[in-house]
């Protein structure tokens, strides 16, 4: 059972696992935490994949839904997992780190610097403390061919000839939702066969980039592969502080994914390769 039906990860996952049960916020509203366990009981899943989250990093500074969805609701999932002996796969974030050093492994000290990262970290701990078994995947900078993500927003700006501005000092691990979905498909049978494989893992595409470099690559690939003609425009290179965002951003949250690759025999892929696939295939949607 997948929670978060209309998110980019769930939509990517559905291509590989169409027979799973997908629940949207209409079927299970994680804000209504007192209803979560009774709703889950109706479906009797043998594995829960929670791909849902409150992802508005700036809104999380003031919106209580951040803590409810990313932390308190996860506690309810953990309790349900324990009561029914059902394992959970849960998606977390690179924002549990402060971004001072980068190349973070699973054993590195967490230290979130905004309320979104803090709530996601509390969610991880709630699941580890209460669930029957859980496998938590921290990922980063997800992009896909679907709407309402960073890739699509940049492409729309290119199409509309809007200004492009990117932070050169904000560094991370761009990751395609499709590659993460494929990895989870490979993980599921091994995990269900051996629940001792649970715990925390990092998954990101190989290589790192600044926001500026990511925008640069999106523009180059989109113009190269588009049937219509678009011209390159200057990308204004700025510090992240230029945007004066409500939430602090960790400056280097690049992830080391060696553990998940070796444990589940997953072949790493480069973020530029994954980006090209998503841009080429976006017109199919």
Protein backbone atom coordinates (compact mmCIF):
# COMPACT_ATOMS: atom_id res chain seq x y z
CA UNK A 1 0.00 0.00 0.00
CA UNK A 2 1.33 3.40 -1.04
CA UNK A 3 0.39 6.59 0.81
CA UNK A 4 0.77 9.75 -1.26
CA UNK A 5 -0.87 8.70 -4.55
CA UNK A 6 -0.36 11.93 -6.52
CA UNK A 7 3.20 12.77 -5.51
CA UNK A 8 6.01 12.42 -8.04
CA UNK A 9 7.52 9.38 -6.32
CA UNK A 10 4.21 7.49 -6.15
CA UNK A 11 3.45 8.32 -9.78
CA UNK A 12 6.89 7.03 -10.79
CA UNK A 13 6.42 3.94 -8.59
CA UNK A 14 3.05 3.18 -10.20
CA UNK A 15 4.76 2.57 -13.55
CA UNK A 16 6.62 -0.38 -12.02
CA UNK A 17 4.01 -1.59 -9.51
CA UNK A 18 0.53 -0.80 -10.89
CA UNK A 19 -1.11 -3.50 -8.75
CA UNK A 20 -0.27 -1.74 -5.46
CA UNK A 21 -3.03 0.06 -3.57
CA UNK A 22 -2.47 3.82 -3.84
CA UNK A 23 -4.10 6.17 -1.33
CA UNK A 24 -4.41 9.93 -1.79
CA UNK A 25 -5.20 12.47 0.92
CA UNK A 26 -8.89 11.88 0.09
CA UNK A 27 -8.60 8.26 1.26
CA UNK A 28 -6.22 8.93 4.14
CA UNK A 29 -5.67 12.47 5.38
CA UNK A 30 -2.54 12.41 7.54
CA UNK A 31 -3.64 15.63 9.26
CA UNK A 32 -6.50 13.64 10.83
CA UNK A 33 -4.15 11.57 12.96
CA UNK A 34 -6.92 10.03 15.09
CA UNK A 35 -8.36 8.33 11.97
CA UNK A 36 -5.13 6.92 10.51
CA UNK A 37 -5.09 3.53 12.20
CA UNK A 38 -8.77 2.74 11.56
CA UNK A 39 -8.42 3.65 7.86
CA UNK A 40 -5.32 1.49 7.46
CA UNK A 41 -7.13 -1.44 9.11
CA UNK A 42 -9.67 -1.51 6.27
CA UNK A 43 -7.00 -2.31 3.69
CA UNK A 44 -5.01 -5.00 5.54
CA UNK A 45 -1.70 -4.27 3.74
CA UNK A 46 1.35 -6.52 4.07
CA UNK A 47 3.68 -3.57 3.42
CA UNK A 48 3.12 0.18 3.79
CA UNK A 49 5.15 2.62 1.67
CA UNK A 50 4.78 6.17 2.94
CA UNK A 51 5.64 8.52 0.07
CA UNK A 52 3.57 11.38 1.49
CA UNK A 53 5.02 14.43 3.23
CA UNK A 54 4.51 18.11 3.91
CA UNK A 55 7.20 19.36 1.50
CA UNK A 56 6.78 23.14 1.66
CA UNK A 57 10.08 23.97 3.37
CA UNK A 58 9.31 27.66 3.83
CA UNK A 59 5.68 27.09 4.78
CA UNK A 60 6.85 24.58 7.39
CA UNK A 61 8.28 27.45 9.46
CA UNK A 62 4.75 28.57 10.40
CA UNK A 63 2.32 25.83 9.29
CA UNK A 64 1.43 23.27 11.96
CA UNK A 65 0.65 20.71 9.25
CA UNK A 66 4.41 20.25 8.89
CA UNK A 67 4.75 18.73 12.33
CA UNK A 68 1.46 16.83 12.11
CA UNK A 69 2.14 15.18 8.72
CA UNK A 70 5.92 14.73 8.99
CA UNK A 71 6.09 13.66 12.63
CA UNK A 72 2.85 12.98 14.52
CA UNK A 73 1.22 11.02 11.67
CA UNK A 74 4.37 8.93 11.34
CA UNK A 75 4.01 7.96 14.99
CA UNK A 76 0.53 6.62 14.17
CA UNK A 77 1.94 4.66 11.22
CA UNK A 78 4.54 3.18 13.56
CA UNK A 79 1.93 2.15 16.13
CA UNK A 80 -0.19 0.53 13.42
CA UNK A 81 2.87 -1.28 12.10
CA UNK A 82 3.57 -2.72 15.54
CA UNK A 83 -0.03 -3.71 16.30
CA UNK A 84 -0.47 -5.52 12.98
CA UNK A 85 3.15 -6.70 12.52
CA UNK A 86 3.42 -4.86 9.19
CA UNK A 87 6.75 -3.42 7.94
CA UNK A 88 6.99 0.14 6.61
CA UNK A 89 9.16 1.82 3.97
CA UNK A 90 9.32 5.56 4.64
CA UNK A 91 10.90 8.42 2.69
CA UNK A 92 12.93 11.03 4.56
CA UNK A 93 15.21 13.87 3.52
CA UNK A 94 18.74 15.23 3.27
CA UNK A 95 17.47 18.21 5.29
CA UNK A 96 17.99 16.28 8.53
CA UNK A 97 21.63 17.48 8.15
CA UNK A 98 23.03 20.98 8.71
CA UNK A 99 24.88 21.04 5.39
CA UNK A 100 28.27 22.01 6.79
CA UNK A 101 30.32 19.16 5.32
CA UNK A 102 28.32 17.23 2.67
CA UNK A 103 28.81 13.62 1.50
CA UNK A 104 26.72 12.47 4.45
CA UNK A 105 26.54 8.78 5.35
CA UNK A 106 23.86 7.15 7.47
CA UNK A 107 26.09 7.28 10.56
CA UNK A 108 26.74 11.03 10.42
CA UNK A 109 25.29 13.32 13.06
CA UNK A 110 21.91 14.84 12.20
CA UNK A 111 21.36 18.53 12.95
CA UNK A 112 18.45 20.09 11.01
CA UNK A 113 18.49 23.88 10.68
CA UNK A 114 14.85 24.42 9.69
CA UNK A 115 11.47 23.20 10.96
CA UNK A 116 10.87 20.96 7.95
CA UNK A 117 14.10 19.03 8.58
CA UNK A 118 13.37 18.86 12.30
CA UNK A 119 9.88 17.43 11.77
CA UNK A 120 11.21 14.86 9.29
CA UNK A 121 13.89 13.82 11.78
CA UNK A 122 11.26 13.42 14.52
CA UNK A 123 9.25 11.31 12.08
CA UNK A 124 12.22 9.03 11.53
CA UNK A 125 12.70 8.60 15.27
CA UNK A 126 8.99 7.97 15.85
CA UNK A 127 9.08 5.17 13.30
CA UNK A 128 12.29 3.63 14.62
CA UNK A 129 10.92 3.72 18.18
CA UNK A 130 7.44 2.34 17.56
CA UNK A 131 7.22 0.28 14.37
CA UNK A 132 7.36 -3.48 14.00
CA UNK A 133 10.00 -2.96 11.30
CA UNK A 134 10.89 0.03 9.14
CA UNK A 135 13.23 0.89 6.31
CA UNK A 136 13.83 4.64 6.04
CA UNK A 137 15.27 6.11 2.84
CA UNK A 138 16.69 9.62 2.96
CA UNK A 139 16.76 11.15 -0.50
CA UNK A 140 17.46 14.58 -1.97
CA UNK A 141 16.47 17.10 -4.63
CA UNK A 142 13.87 14.83 -6.26
CA UNK A 143 12.88 15.66 -9.82
CA UNK A 144 10.57 14.00 -12.35
CA UNK A 145 8.68 14.48 -15.59
CA UNK A 146 5.55 15.29 -13.57
CA UNK A 147 4.27 18.73 -12.64
CA UNK A 148 4.93 20.73 -9.49
CA UNK A 149 8.59 19.90 -9.00
CA UNK A 150 11.82 21.84 -9.52
CA UNK A 151 12.50 20.47 -13.01
CA UNK A 152 9.12 21.41 -14.40
CA UNK A 153 9.23 24.87 -12.83
CA UNK A 154 12.55 25.61 -14.52
CA UNK A 155 11.34 24.29 -17.88
CA UNK A 156 8.26 26.51 -17.70
CA UNK A 157 10.50 29.50 -17.05
CA UNK A 158 12.60 28.62 -20.11
CA UNK A 159 9.48 28.23 -22.27
CA UNK A 160 8.12 31.58 -21.05
CA UNK A 161 11.53 33.25 -21.33
CA UNK A 162 11.46 34.22 -17.65
CA UNK A 163 14.56 35.12 -15.67
CA UNK A 164 16.59 32.20 -14.30
CA UNK A 165 18.44 32.61 -11.02
CA UNK A 166 20.44 29.88 -9.25
CA UNK A 167 22.40 29.64 -6.03
CA UNK A 168 26.01 28.56 -6.56
CA UNK A 169 26.62 27.91 -2.86
CA UNK A 170 23.68 25.51 -2.32
CA UNK A 171 24.92 22.00 -3.15
CA UNK A 172 23.15 18.66 -3.15
CA UNK A 173 22.49 15.35 -4.87
CA UNK A 174 19.89 15.73 -7.65
CA UNK A 175 17.86 12.50 -7.85
CA UNK A 176 15.18 11.29 -10.21
CA UNK A 177 11.97 10.00 -8.66
CA UNK A 178 12.00 7.23 -11.26
CA UNK A 179 15.41 5.91 -10.16
CA UNK A 180 14.29 5.93 -6.53
CA UNK A 181 11.07 4.11 -7.44
CA UNK A 182 13.06 1.43 -9.30
CA UNK A 183 15.37 1.05 -6.31
CA UNK A 184 12.40 0.56 -3.96
CA UNK A 185 10.96 -2.10 -6.29
CA UNK A 186 14.26 -3.97 -5.99
CA UNK A 187 14.43 -3.47 -2.21
CA UNK A 188 10.91 -4.72 -1.38
CA UNK A 189 11.30 -8.50 -1.89
CA UNK A 190 14.68 -8.60 -0.15
CA UNK A 191 13.42 -6.55 2.77
CA UNK A 192 10.23 -8.59 3.20
CA UNK A 193 12.33 -11.76 3.13
CA UNK A 194 14.73 -10.40 5.78
CA UNK A 195 13.38 -7.65 8.03
CA UNK A 196 16.78 -7.32 9.69
CA UNK A 197 17.70 -5.25 6.61
CA UNK A 198 15.56 -2.43 7.99
CA UNK A 199 17.04 0.80 9.27
CA UNK A 200 18.21 4.04 7.65
CA UNK A 201 19.61 4.28 4.12
CA UNK A 202 20.55 7.09 1.76
CA UNK A 203 19.57 7.04 -1.89
CA UNK A 204 20.67 9.66 -4.42
CA UNK A 205 21.93 9.69 -7.96
CA UNK A 206 25.69 9.93 -8.31
CA UNK A 207 27.45 13.27 -8.57
CA UNK A 208 26.68 16.59 -6.92
CA UNK A 209 25.57 19.97 -8.21
CA UNK A 210 24.76 23.46 -7.06
CA UNK A 211 21.31 24.83 -7.79
CA UNK A 212 22.98 27.01 -10.42
CA UNK A 213 24.62 23.99 -12.11
CA UNK A 214 21.35 22.04 -12.01
CA UNK A 215 19.46 24.87 -13.72
CA UNK A 216 22.27 25.15 -16.28
CA UNK A 217 22.02 21.44 -17.10
CA UNK A 218 18.21 21.56 -17.30
CA UNK A 219 18.38 24.43 -19.77
CA UNK A 220 21.05 22.75 -21.91
CA UNK A 221 19.26 19.40 -22.07
CA UNK A 222 15.82 20.89 -22.65
CA UNK A 223 17.00 23.05 -25.55
CA UNK A 224 18.97 20.12 -27.05
CA UNK A 225 16.07 17.68 -26.91
CA UNK A 226 13.07 19.94 -27.56
CA UNK A 227 11.37 19.84 -30.96
CA UNK A 228 10.59 23.54 -30.58
CA UNK A 229 13.31 26.16 -30.74
CA UNK A 230 14.29 27.95 -27.54
CA UNK A 231 17.28 30.17 -26.99
CA UNK A 232 19.73 29.99 -24.11
CA UNK A 233 19.35 32.75 -21.61
CA UNK A 234 21.72 33.95 -18.96
CA UNK A 235 21.37 32.26 -15.57
CA UNK A 236 22.04 34.76 -12.82
CA UNK A 237 24.48 33.25 -10.31
CA UNK A 238 23.76 34.28 -6.72
CA UNK A 239 24.28 33.19 -3.14
CA UNK A 240 21.36 31.37 -1.54
CA UNK A 241 20.97 34.31 0.85
CA UNK A 242 19.90 36.41 -2.17
CA UNK A 243 16.45 34.80 -2.08
CA UNK A 244 15.82 35.86 1.55
CA UNK A 245 13.80 32.70 2.18
CA UNK A 246 11.85 32.21 5.45
CA UNK A 247 13.56 28.85 6.17
CA UNK A 248 17.31 28.41 6.48
CA UNK A 249 18.79 26.11 3.83
CA UNK A 250 21.66 23.71 4.56
CA UNK A 251 24.37 24.57 2.03
CA UNK A 252 25.78 21.11 1.23
CA UNK A 253 23.56 18.09 1.87
CA UNK A 254 25.08 15.76 -0.72
CA UNK A 255 24.45 12.13 0.25
CA UNK A 256 26.66 9.06 0.23
CA UNK A 257 24.54 6.14 -1.02
CA UNK A 258 27.12 3.33 -0.89
CA UNK A 259 25.23 1.39 1.81
CA UNK A 260 21.98 0.99 -0.13
CA UNK A 261 23.79 0.18 -3.38
CA UNK A 262 25.83 -2.60 -1.80
CA UNK A 263 23.13 -4.01 0.50
CA UNK A 264 20.50 -4.37 -2.22
CA UNK A 265 22.79 -4.73 -5.25
CA UNK A 266 21.48 -1.55 -6.88
CA UNK A 267 23.40 -0.12 -9.80
CA UNK A 268 24.16 3.60 -9.27
CA UNK A 269 23.22 6.08 -11.99
CA UNK A 270 24.46 9.61 -12.68
CA UNK A 271 22.11 12.50 -12.04
CA UNK A 272 22.76 14.01 -15.48
CA UNK A 273 21.75 10.75 -17.18
CA UNK A 274 18.56 10.56 -15.12
CA UNK A 275 17.77 14.20 -15.82
CA UNK A 276 18.06 13.66 -19.56
CA UNK A 277 15.65 10.69 -19.41
CA UNK A 278 13.04 12.73 -17.56
CA UNK A 279 13.32 15.70 -19.92
CA UNK A 280 13.05 13.49 -23.02
CA UNK A 281 10.03 11.63 -21.63
CA UNK A 282 8.16 14.63 -20.21
CA UNK A 283 6.20 15.19 -23.42
CA UNK A 284 4.57 11.79 -22.98
CA UNK A 285 2.69 13.08 -19.96
